[in-house]
PDB file of N, CA and C in Angstrom:
ATOM      1  N   MET A   1      76.455 144.376   9.674  1.00  0.00           N
ATOM      2  CA  MET A   1      75.219 145.075   9.903  1.00  0.00           C
ATOM      3  C   MET A   1      74.146 144.063  10.267  1.00  0.00           C
ATOM      4  N   GLY A   2      73.322 144.423  11.205  1.00  0.00           N
ATOM      5  CA  GLY A   2      72.333 143.461  11.669  1.00  0.00           C
ATOM      6  C   GLY A   2      73.015 142.307  12.380  1.00  0.00           C
ATOM      7  N   THR A   3      73.914 142.617  13.297  1.00  0.00           N
ATOM      8  CA  THR A   3      74.725 141.611  13.987  1.00  0.00           C
ATOM      9  C   THR A   3      73.878 140.554  14.679  1.00  0.00           C
ATOM     10  N   GLY A   4      72.727 140.952  15.178  1.00  0.00           N
ATOM     11  CA  GLY A   4      71.869 139.993  15.873  1.00  0.00           C
ATOM     12  C   GLY A   4      72.593 139.353  17.033  1.00  0.00           C
ATOM     13  N   SER A   5      72.517 138.046  17.121  1.00  0.00           N
ATOM     14  CA  SER A   5      73.127 137.322  18.242  1.00  0.00           C
ATOM     15  C   SER A   5      74.647 137.235  18.144  1.00  0.00           C
ATOM     16  N   GLY A   6      75.201 137.608  16.988  1.00  0.00           N
ATOM     17  CA  GLY A   6      76.653 137.562  16.805  1.00  0.00           C
ATOM     18  C   GLY A   6      77.156 136.288  16.182  1.00  0.00           C
ATOM     19  N   ILE A   7      76.261 135.403  15.783  1.00  0.00           N
ATOM     20  CA  ILE A   7      76.673 134.089  15.277  1.00  0.00           C
ATOM     21  C   ILE A   7      77.494 134.188  13.991  1.00  0.00           C
ATOM     22  N   ASP A   8      77.152 135.144  13.099  1.00  0.00           N
ATOM     23  CA  ASP A   8      77.958 135.316  11.879  1.00  0.00           C
ATOM     24  C   ASP A   8      79.367 135.791  12.216  1.00  0.00           C
ATOM     25  N   LEU A   9      79.487 136.691  13.184  1.00  0.00           N
ATOM     26  CA  LEU A   9      80.821 137.165  13.587  1.00  0.00           C
ATOM     27  C   LEU A   9      81.611 136.034  14.236  1.00  0.00           C
ATOM     28  N   LEU A  10      80.938 135.209  15.010  1.00  0.00           N
ATOM     29  CA  LEU A  10      81.595 134.064  15.621  1.00  0.00           C
ATOM     30  C   LEU A  10      82.133 133.120  14.547  1.00  0.00           C
ATOM     31  N   ALA A  11      81.378 132.936  13.479  1.00  0.00           N
ATOM     32  CA  ALA A  11      81.841 132.103  12.364  1.00  0.00           C
ATOM     33  C   ALA A  11      83.088 132.709  11.722  1.00  0.00           C
ATOM     34  N   LEU A  12      83.124 134.039  11.591  1.00  0.00           N
ATOM     35  CA  LEU A  12      84.318 134.688  11.028  1.00  0.00           C
ATOM     36  C   LEU A  12      85.536 134.456  11.912  1.00  0.00           C
ATOM     37  N   PHE A  13      85.351 134.517  13.224  1.00  0.00           N
ATOM     38  CA  PHE A  13      86.455 134.249  14.146  1.00  0.00           C
ATOM     39  C   PHE A  13      86.936 132.806  14.042  1.00  0.00           C
ATOM     40  N   SER A  14      86.046 131.885  13.713  1.00  0.00           N
ATOM     41  CA  SER A  14      86.469 130.486  13.571  1.00  0.00           C
ATOM     42  C   SER A  14      87.355 130.306  12.338  1.00  0.00           C
ATOM     43  N   ILE A  15      87.182 131.167  11.342  1.00  0.00           N
ATOM     44  CA  ILE A  15      88.018 131.129  10.137  1.00  0.00           C
ATOM     45  C   ILE A  15      89.347 131.819  10.391  1.00  0.00           C
ATOM     46  N   ASN A  16      89.303 132.966  11.066  1.00  0.00           N
ATOM     47  CA  ASN A  16      90.518 133.732  11.351  1.00  0.00           C
ATOM     48  C   ASN A  16      90.400 134.353  12.741  1.00  0.00           C
ATOM     49  N   PRO A  17      90.944 133.713  13.763  1.00  0.00           N
ATOM     50  CA  PRO A  17      90.814 134.215  15.134  1.00  0.00           C
ATOM     51  C   PRO A  17      91.540 135.528  15.404  1.00  0.00           C
ATOM     52  N   LYS A  18      92.358 136.011  14.465  1.00  0.00           N
ATOM     53  CA  LYS A  18      93.119 137.245  14.678  1.00  0.00           C
ATOM     54  C   LYS A  18      92.432 138.489  14.121  1.00  0.00           C
ATOM     55  N   ILE A  19      91.276 138.327  13.462  1.00  0.00           N
ATOM     56  CA  ILE A  19      90.608 139.489  12.875  1.00  0.00           C
ATOM     57  C   ILE A  19      90.016 140.384  13.960  1.00  0.00           C
ATOM     58  N   GLU A  20      89.747 141.605  13.583  1.00  0.00           N
ATOM     59  CA  GLU A  20      89.048 142.546  14.451  1.00  0.00           C
ATOM     60  C   GLU A  20      87.736 142.891  13.751  1.00  0.00           C
ATOM     61  N   VAL A  21      86.631 142.863  14.494  1.00  0.00           N
ATOM     62  CA  VAL A  21      85.329 143.085  13.876  1.00  0.00           C
ATOM     63  C   VAL A  21      84.551 144.181  14.600  1.00  0.00           C
ATOM     64  N   VAL A  22      83.642 144.790  13.840  1.00  0.00           N
ATOM     65  CA  VAL A  22      82.692 145.752  14.381  1.00  0.00           C
ATOM     66  C   VAL A  22      81.309 145.216  14.049  1.00  0.00           C
ATOM     67  N   GLY A  23      80.497 145.046  15.061  1.00  0.00           N
ATOM     68  CA  GLY A  23      79.126 144.589  14.864  1.00  0.00           C
ATOM     69  C   GLY A  23      78.160 145.722  15.123  1.00  0.00           C
ATOM     70  N   VAL A  24      77.160 145.842  14.268  1.00  0.00           N
ATOM     71  CA  VAL A  24      76.157 146.900  14.404  1.00  0.00           C
ATOM     72  C   VAL A  24      74.774 146.270  14.444  1.00  0.00           C
ATOM     73  N   ASP A  25      73.980 146.674  15.418  1.00  0.00           N
ATOM     74  CA  ASP A  25      72.595 146.222  15.500  1.00  0.00           C
ATOM     75  C   ASP A  25      71.789 147.303  16.213  1.00  0.00           C
ATOM     76  N   ILE A  26      70.517 147.371  15.886  1.00  0.00           N
ATOM     77  CA  ILE A  26      69.645 148.345  16.544  1.00  0.00           C
ATOM     78  C   ILE A  26      69.189 147.850  17.914  1.00  0.00           C
ATOM     79  N   SER A  27      69.261 146.536  18.126  1.00  0.00           N
ATOM     80  CA  SER A  27      68.745 145.932  19.353  1.00  0.00           C
ATOM     81  C   SER A  27      69.807 145.844  20.444  1.00  0.00           C
ATOM     82  N   LYS A  28      69.538 146.503  21.545  1.00  0.00           N
ATOM     83  CA  LYS A  28      70.437 146.449  22.699  1.00  0.00           C
ATOM     84  C   LYS A  28      70.540 145.021  23.245  1.00  0.00           C
ATOM     85  N   GLU A  29      69.423 144.296  23.224  1.00  0.00           N
ATOM     86  CA  GLU A  29      69.408 142.916  23.721  1.00  0.00           C
ATOM     87  C   GLU A  29      70.284 141.998  22.858  1.00  0.00           C
ATOM     88  N   ASN A  30      70.194 142.160  21.537  1.00  0.00           N
ATOM     89  CA  ASN A  30      71.039 141.359  20.648  1.00  0.00           C
ATOM     90  C   ASN A  30      72.513 141.629  20.904  1.00  0.00           C
ATOM     91  N   LEU A  31      72.863 142.885  21.048  1.00  0.00           N
ATOM     92  CA  LEU A  31      74.266 143.241  21.279  1.00  0.00           C
ATOM     93  C   LEU A  31      74.760 142.697  22.617  1.00  0.00           C
ATOM     94  N   LYS A  32      73.902 142.716  23.618  1.00  0.00           N
ATOM     95  CA  LYS A  32      74.277 142.169  24.927  1.00  0.00           C
ATOM     96  C   LYS A  32      74.580 140.673  24.803  1.00  0.00           C
ATOM     97  N   PHE A  33      73.741 139.948  24.070  1.00  0.00           N
ATOM     98  CA  PHE A  33      73.990 138.516  23.866  1.00  0.00           C
ATOM     99  C   PHE A  33      75.293 138.300  23.099  1.00  0.00           C
ATOM    100  N   ALA A  34      75.485 139.079  22.022  1.00  0.00           N
ATOM    101  CA  ALA A  34      76.689 138.946  21.202  1.00  0.00           C
ATOM    102  C   ALA A  34      77.945 139.199  22.031  1.00  0.00           C
ATOM    103  N   ARG A  35      77.893 140.172  22.932  1.00  0.00           N
ATOM    104  CA  ARG A  35      79.051 140.453  23.792  1.00  0.00           C
ATOM    105  C   ARG A  35      79.454 139.225  24.602  1.00  0.00           C
ATOM    106  N   GLY A  36      78.475 138.419  24.946  1.00  0.00           N
ATOM    107  CA  GLY A  36      78.749 137.237  25.763  1.00  0.00           C
ATOM    108  C   GLY A  36      79.402 136.089  25.019  1.00  0.00           C
ATOM    109  N   ILE A  37      79.329 136.081  23.685  1.00  0.00           N
ATOM    110  CA  ILE A  37      79.891 134.942  22.936  1.00  0.00           C
ATOM    111  C   ILE A  37      81.097 135.303  22.069  1.00  0.00           C
ATOM    112  N   LEU A  38      81.373 136.595  21.912  1.00  0.00           N
ATOM    113  CA  LEU A  38      82.451 137.031  21.015  1.00  0.00           C
ATOM    114  C   LEU A  38      83.697 137.429  21.795  1.00  0.00           C
ATOM    115  N   PRO A  39      84.880 137.260  21.199  1.00  0.00           N
ATOM    116  CA  PRO A  39      86.129 137.685  21.868  1.00  0.00           C
ATOM    117  C   PRO A  39      86.095 139.189  22.165  1.00  0.00           C
ATOM    118  N   LYS A  40      86.220 139.533  23.418  1.00  0.00           N
ATOM    119  CA  LYS A  40      86.078 140.930  23.835  1.00  0.00           C
ATOM    120  C   LYS A  40      87.200 141.838  23.331  1.00  0.00           C
ATOM    121  N   ASP A  41      88.397 141.287  23.168  1.00  0.00           N
ATOM    122  CA  ASP A  41      89.535 142.121  22.783  1.00  0.00           C
ATOM    123  C   ASP A  41      89.579 142.445  21.284  1.00  0.00           C
ATOM    124  N   ARG A  42      88.763 141.778  20.467  1.00  0.00           N
ATOM    125  CA  ARG A  42      88.782 142.028  19.025  1.00  0.00           C
ATOM    126  C   ARG A  42      87.395 142.322  18.451  1.00  0.00           C
ATOM    127  N   THR A  43      86.438 142.596  19.340  1.00  0.00           N
ATOM    128  CA  THR A  43      85.067 142.853  18.905  1.00  0.00           C
ATOM    129  C   THR A  43      84.605 144.206  19.429  1.00  0.00           C
ATOM    130  N   HIS A  44      84.056 145.006  18.545  1.00  0.00           N
ATOM    131  CA  HIS A  44      83.485 146.304  18.904  1.00  0.00           C
ATOM    132  C   HIS A  44      82.021 146.284  18.467  1.00  0.00           C
ATOM    133  N   LEU A  45      81.118 146.461  19.411  1.00  0.00           N
ATOM    134  CA  LEU A  45      79.695 146.405  19.102  1.00  0.00           C
ATOM    135  C   LEU A  45      79.080 147.784  19.254  1.00  0.00           C
ATOM    136  N   VAL A  46      78.279 148.167  18.261  1.00  0.00           N
ATOM    137  CA  VAL A  46      77.707 149.506  18.193  1.00  0.00           C
ATOM    138  C   VAL A  46      76.198 149.397  17.997  1.00  0.00           C
ATOM    139  N   GLN A  47      75.443 150.107  18.830  1.00  0.00           N
ATOM    140  CA  GLN A  47      74.003 150.161  18.628  1.00  0.00           C
ATOM    141  C   GLN A  47      73.711 151.310  17.672  1.00  0.00           C
ATOM    142  N   ALA A  48      73.172 150.974  16.500  1.00  0.00           N
ATOM    143  CA  ALA A  48      72.870 151.997  15.493  1.00  0.00           C
ATOM    144  C   ALA A  48      71.857 151.438  14.501  1.00  0.00           C
ATOM    145  N   GLU A  49      71.181 152.343  13.838  1.00  0.00           N
ATOM    146  CA  GLU A  49      70.260 152.001  12.750  1.00  0.00           C
ATOM    147  C   GLU A  49      71.032 152.079  11.445  1.00  0.00           C
ATOM    148  N   VAL A  50      70.816 151.126  10.564  1.00  0.00           N
ATOM    149  CA  VAL A  50      71.573 151.049   9.315  1.00  0.00           C
ATOM    150  C   VAL A  50      71.290 152.233   8.392  1.00  0.00           C
ATOM    151  N   THR A  51      70.193 152.937   8.609  1.00  0.00           N
ATOM    152  CA  THR A  51      69.919 154.124   7.787  1.00  0.00           C
ATOM    153  C   THR A  51      70.743 155.323   8.251  1.00  0.00           C
ATOM    154  N   TYR A  52      71.349 155.236   9.430  1.00  0.00           N
ATOM    155  CA  TYR A  52      72.288 156.258   9.887  1.00  0.00           C
ATOM    156  C   TYR A  52      73.444 155.544  10.583  1.00  0.00           C
ATOM    157  N   LEU A  53      74.548 155.415   9.897  1.00  0.00           N
ATOM    158  CA  LEU A  53      75.709 154.719  10.445  1.00  0.00           C
ATOM    159  C   LEU A  53      76.731 155.723  10.965  1.00  0.00           C
ATOM    160  N   PRO A  54      77.217 155.528  12.186  1.00  0.00           N
ATOM    161  CA  PRO A  54      78.135 156.486  12.808  1.00  0.00           C
ATOM    162  C   PRO A  54      79.603 156.253  12.449  1.00  0.00           C
ATOM    163  N   PHE A  55      79.883 156.007  11.164  1.00  0.00           N
ATOM    164  CA  PHE A  55      81.247 155.731  10.726  1.00  0.00           C
ATOM    165  C   PHE A  55      81.628 156.675   9.593  1.00  0.00           C
ATOM    166  N   ILE A  56      82.908 157.012   9.509  1.00  0.00           N
ATOM    167  CA  ILE A  56      83.370 157.855   8.407  1.00  0.00           C
ATOM    168  C   ILE A  56      83.493 157.017   7.134  1.00  0.00           C
ATOM    169  N   ARG A  57      83.557 157.688   6.011  1.00  0.00           N
ATOM    170  CA  ARG A  57      83.660 157.005   4.714  1.00  0.00           C
ATOM    171  C   ARG A  57      84.913 156.126   4.657  1.00  0.00           C
ATOM    172  N   GLU A  58      84.776 155.031   3.930  1.00  0.00           N
ATOM    173  CA  GLU A  58      85.879 154.104   3.672  1.00  0.00           C
ATOM    174  C   GLU A  58      86.569 153.619   4.943  1.00  0.00           C
ATOM    175  N   THR A  59      85.782 153.228   5.929  1.00  0.00           N
ATOM    176  CA  THR A  59      86.302 152.732   7.200  1.00  0.00           C
ATOM    177  C   THR A  59      86.589 151.239   7.165  1.00  0.00           C
ATOM    178  N   PHE A  60      85.793 150.468   6.426  1.00  0.00           N
ATOM    179  CA  PHE A  60      85.829 149.010   6.530  1.00  0.00           C
ATOM    180  C   PHE A  60      86.255 148.329   5.236  1.00  0.00           C
ATOM    181  N   ASN A  61      86.835 147.146   5.390  1.00  0.00           N
ATOM    182  CA  ASN A  61      87.217 146.308   4.255  1.00  0.00           C
ATOM    183  C   ASN A  61      86.071 145.418   3.789  1.00  0.00           C
ATOM    184  N   ALA A  62      85.150 145.102   4.679  1.00  0.00           N
ATOM    185  CA  ALA A  62      84.039 144.203   4.334  1.00  0.00           C
ATOM    186  C   ALA A  62      82.843 144.495   5.227  1.00  0.00           C
ATOM    187  N   VAL A  63      81.667 144.169   4.720  1.00  0.00           N
ATOM    188  CA  VAL A  63      80.427 144.294   5.479  1.00  0.00           C
ATOM    189  C   VAL A  63      79.593 143.039   5.242  1.00  0.00           C
ATOM    190  N   ASN A  64      79.083 142.472   6.309  1.00  0.00           N
ATOM    191  CA  ASN A  64      78.180 141.324   6.215  1.00  0.00           C
ATOM    192  C   ASN A  64      76.766 141.822   6.485  1.00  0.00           C
ATOM    193  N   ILE A  65      75.868 141.601   5.527  1.00  0.00           N
ATOM    194  CA  ILE A  65      74.492 142.064   5.697  1.00  0.00           C
ATOM    195  C   ILE A  65      73.488 140.925   5.531  1.00  0.00           C
ATOM    196  N   SER A  66      73.893 139.709   5.829  1.00  0.00           N
ATOM    197  CA  SER A  66      72.979 138.582   5.655  1.00  0.00           C
ATOM    198  C   SER A  66      71.795 138.707   6.608  1.00  0.00           C
ATOM    199  N   TYR A  67      70.630 138.381   6.109  1.00  0.00           N
ATOM    200  CA  TYR A  67      69.395 138.375   6.895  1.00  0.00           C
ATOM    201  C   TYR A  67      69.058 139.728   7.511  1.00  0.00           C
ATOM    202  N   MET A  68      69.335 140.808   6.811  1.00  0.00           N
ATOM    203  CA  MET A  68      69.062 142.122   7.365  1.00  0.00           C
ATOM    204  C   MET A  68      68.192 142.974   6.459  1.00  0.00           C
ATOM    205  N   LEU A  69      68.432 142.955   5.181  1.00  0.00           N
ATOM    206  CA  LEU A  69      67.745 143.876   4.271  1.00  0.00           C
ATOM    207  C   LEU A  69      66.238 143.665   4.232  1.00  0.00           C
ATOM    208  N   HIS A  70      65.789 142.445   4.373  1.00  0.00           N
ATOM    209  CA  HIS A  70      64.354 142.168   4.275  1.00  0.00           C
ATOM    210  C   HIS A  70      63.537 142.770   5.421  1.00  0.00           C
ATOM    211  N   HIS A  71      64.190 143.265   6.451  1.00  0.00           N
ATOM    212  CA  HIS A  71      63.487 143.911   7.568  1.00  0.00           C
ATOM    213  C   HIS A  71      63.107 145.358   7.262  1.00  0.00           C
ATOM    214  N   HIS A  72      63.567 145.890   6.140  1.00  0.00           N
ATOM    215  CA  HIS A  72      63.339 147.301   5.823  1.00  0.00           C
ATOM    216  C   HIS A  72      62.433 147.443   4.602  1.00  0.00           C
ATOM    217  N   PRO A  73      61.646 148.522   4.569  1.00  0.00           N
ATOM    218  CA  PRO A  73      60.779 148.738   3.407  1.00  0.00           C
ATOM    219  C   PRO A  73      61.609 149.003   2.151  1.00  0.00           C
ATOM    220  N   PRO A  74      61.101 148.568   0.997  1.00  0.00           N
ATOM    221  CA  PRO A  74      61.858 148.721  -0.261  1.00  0.00           C
ATOM    222  C   PRO A  74      62.334 150.144  -0.535  1.00  0.00           C
ATOM    223  N   LYS A  75      61.564 151.159  -0.166  1.00  0.00           N
ATOM    224  CA  LYS A  75      62.004 152.520  -0.477  1.00  0.00           C
ATOM    225  C   LYS A  75      63.207 152.969   0.352  1.00  0.00           C
ATOM    226  N   LEU A  76      63.542 152.250   1.425  1.00  0.00           N
ATOM    227  CA  LEU A  76      64.738 152.584   2.204  1.00  0.00           C
ATOM    228  C   LEU A  76      65.985 151.845   1.729  1.00  0.00           C
ATOM    229  N   LEU A  77      65.808 150.824   0.902  1.00  0.00           N
ATOM    230  CA  LEU A  77      66.952 149.994   0.498  1.00  0.00           C
ATOM    231  C   LEU A  77      68.032 150.778  -0.239  1.00  0.00           C
ATOM    232  N   ARG A  78      67.641 151.715  -1.091  1.00  0.00           N
ATOM    233  CA  ARG A  78      68.647 152.520  -1.801  1.00  0.00           C
ATOM    234  C   ARG A  78      69.509 153.308  -0.811  1.00  0.00           C
ATOM    235  N   LYS A  79      68.887 153.894   0.206  1.00  0.00           N
ATOM    236  CA  LYS A  79      69.641 154.641   1.219  1.00  0.00           C
ATOM    237  C   LYS A  79      70.560 153.707   2.009  1.00  0.00           C
ATOM    238  N   ILE A  80      70.047 152.539   2.373  1.00  0.00           N
ATOM    239  CA  ILE A  80      70.847 151.582   3.140  1.00  0.00           C
ATOM    240  C   ILE A  80      72.052 151.116   2.330  1.00  0.00           C
ATOM    241  N   ILE A  81      71.833 150.726   1.092  1.00  0.00           N
ATOM    242  CA  ILE A  81      72.938 150.282   0.237  1.00  0.00           C
ATOM    243  C   ILE A  81      73.938 151.422   0.043  1.00  0.00           C
ATOM    244  N   GLY A  82      73.449 152.640  -0.128  1.00  0.00           N
ATOM    245  CA  GLY A  82      74.341 153.799  -0.244  1.00  0.00           C
ATOM    246  C   GLY A  82      75.186 153.989   1.001  1.00  0.00           C
ATOM    247  N   ASN A  83      74.575 153.841   2.178  1.00  0.00           N
ATOM    248  CA  ASN A  83      75.320 153.970   3.438  1.00  0.00           C
ATOM    249  C   ASN A  83      76.385 152.883   3.556  1.00  0.00           C
ATOM    250  N   LEU A  84      76.031 151.672   3.171  1.00  0.00           N
ATOM    251  CA  LEU A  84      76.984 150.567   3.269  1.00  0.00           C
ATOM    252  C   LEU A  84      78.150 150.738   2.311  1.00  0.00           C
ATOM    253  N   THR A  85      77.882 151.140   1.092  1.00  0.00           N
ATOM    254  CA  THR A  85      78.975 151.323   0.135  1.00  0.00           C
ATOM    255  C   THR A  85      79.865 152.495   0.523  1.00  0.00           C
ATOM    256  N   ALA A  86      79.301 153.495   1.179  1.00  0.00           N
ATOM    257  CA  ALA A  86      80.105 154.659   1.584  1.00  0.00           C
ATOM    258  C   ALA A  86      81.149 154.302   2.637  1.00  0.00           C
ATOM    259  N   ILE A  87      80.847 153.354   3.503  1.00  0.00           N
ATOM    260  CA  ILE A  87      81.795 153.028   4.583  1.00  0.00           C
ATOM    261  C   ILE A  87      82.817 151.974   4.176  1.00  0.00           C
ATOM    262  N   LEU A  88      82.723 151.476   2.940  1.00  0.00           N
ATOM    263  CA  LEU A  88      83.648 150.454   2.458  1.00  0.00           C
ATOM    264  C   LEU A  88      84.751 151.040   1.582  1.00  0.00           C
ATOM    265  N   TYR A  89      85.939 150.417   1.642  1.00  0.00           N
ATOM    266  CA  TYR A  89      87.006 150.741   0.697  1.00  0.00           C
ATOM    267  C   TYR A  89      86.616 150.297  -0.702  1.00  0.00           C
ATOM    268  N   TRP A  90      86.044 149.108  -0.799  1.00  0.00           N
ATOM    269  CA  TRP A  90      85.575 148.539  -2.060  1.00  0.00           C
ATOM    270  C   TRP A  90      84.408 147.632  -1.709  1.00  0.00           C
ATOM    271  N   TYR A  91      83.612 147.248  -2.696  1.00  0.00           N
ATOM    272  CA  TYR A  91      82.463 146.423  -2.371  1.00  0.00           C
ATOM    273  C   TYR A  91      82.041 145.524  -3.518  1.00  0.00           C
ATOM    274  N   VAL A  92      81.417 144.410  -3.132  1.00  0.00           N
ATOM    275  CA  VAL A  92      80.786 143.466  -4.052  1.00  0.00           C
ATOM    276  C   VAL A  92      79.463 143.084  -3.406  1.00  0.00           C
ATOM    277  N   PHE A  93      78.376 143.251  -4.133  1.00  0.00           N
ATOM    278  CA  PHE A  93      77.081 142.790  -3.639  1.00  0.00           C
ATOM    279  C   PHE A  93      76.676 141.596  -4.470  1.00  0.00           C
ATOM    280  N   SER A  94      76.310 140.530  -3.815  1.00  0.00           N
ATOM    281  CA  SER A  94      75.938 139.315  -4.515  1.00  0.00           C
ATOM    282  C   SER A  94      74.829 138.615  -3.749  1.00  0.00           C
ATOM    283  N   GLU A  95      73.938 137.985  -4.457  1.00  0.00           N
ATOM    284  CA  GLU A  95      72.924 137.172  -3.812  1.00  0.00           C
ATOM    285  C   GLU A  95      73.442 135.773  -3.539  1.00  0.00           C
ATOM    286  N   LYS A  96      74.575 135.426  -4.133  1.00  0.00           N
ATOM    287  CA  LYS A  96      75.172 134.111  -3.929  1.00  0.00           C
ATOM    288  C   LYS A  96      76.201 134.203  -2.800  1.00  0.00           C
ATOM    289  N   PRO A  97      76.444 133.091  -2.096  1.00  0.00           N
ATOM    290  CA  PRO A  97      77.455 133.130  -1.037  1.00  0.00           C
ATOM    291  C   PRO A  97      78.802 133.584  -1.578  1.00  0.00           C
ATOM    292  N   ILE A  98      79.552 134.284  -0.766  1.00  0.00           N
ATOM    293  CA  ILE A  98      80.831 134.838  -1.176  1.00  0.00           C
ATOM    294  C   ILE A  98      81.813 133.751  -1.602  1.00  0.00           C
ATOM    295  N   LYS A  99      81.655 132.520  -1.113  1.00  0.00           N
ATOM    296  CA  LYS A  99      82.564 131.438  -1.519  1.00  0.00           C
ATOM    297  C   LYS A  99      82.492 131.196  -3.010  1.00  0.00           C
ATOM    298  N   MET A 100      81.413 131.618  -3.647  1.00  0.00           N
ATOM    299  CA  MET A 100      81.279 131.461  -5.085  1.00  0.00           C
ATOM    300  C   MET A 100      82.259 132.368  -5.829  1.00  0.00           C
ATOM    301  N   LEU A 101      82.795 133.367  -5.171  1.00  0.00           N
ATOM    302  CA  LEU A 101      83.684 134.329  -5.814  1.00  0.00           C
ATOM    303  C   LEU A 101      85.151 133.936  -5.726  1.00  0.00           C
ATOM    304  N   LYS A 102      85.478 132.829  -5.095  1.00  0.00           N
ATOM    305  CA  LYS A 102      86.882 132.499  -4.848  1.00  0.00           C
ATOM    306  C   LYS A 102      87.684 132.248  -6.122  1.00  0.00           C
ATOM    307  N   ASN A 103      87.040 131.980  -7.242  1.00  0.00           N
ATOM    308  CA  ASN A 103      87.765 131.748  -8.489  1.00  0.00           C
ATOM    309  C   ASN A 103      88.150 133.029  -9.201  1.00  0.00           C
ATOM    310  N   TYR A 104      87.755 134.168  -8.688  1.00  0.00           N
ATOM    311  CA  TYR A 104      88.043 135.446  -9.363  1.00  0.00           C
ATOM    312  C   TYR A 104      89.297 136.075  -8.826  1.00  0.00           C
TER     313      TYR A 104
END
């Protein structure tokens, strides 16, 4: 969520080049840039607002929301978090980098 330029997705591909990703951003310009740097055969980019996501429940294994939540007013955060958890099979929200969870 909040794919922006696609740099976070590009980092994921550097870890595992065989993954398939879906990037979501409200900005058409950001998505256009991301299309230019991401593998076309394993990347799906969707223009959408995080308060209304066009996905069915339990569609994804993971969601990256770094640098996105602070763009929204606090009263919308509950709805956004609810939307994100609805599209996941399972979820963990942490303020610490996910690498901190590798011992669990």
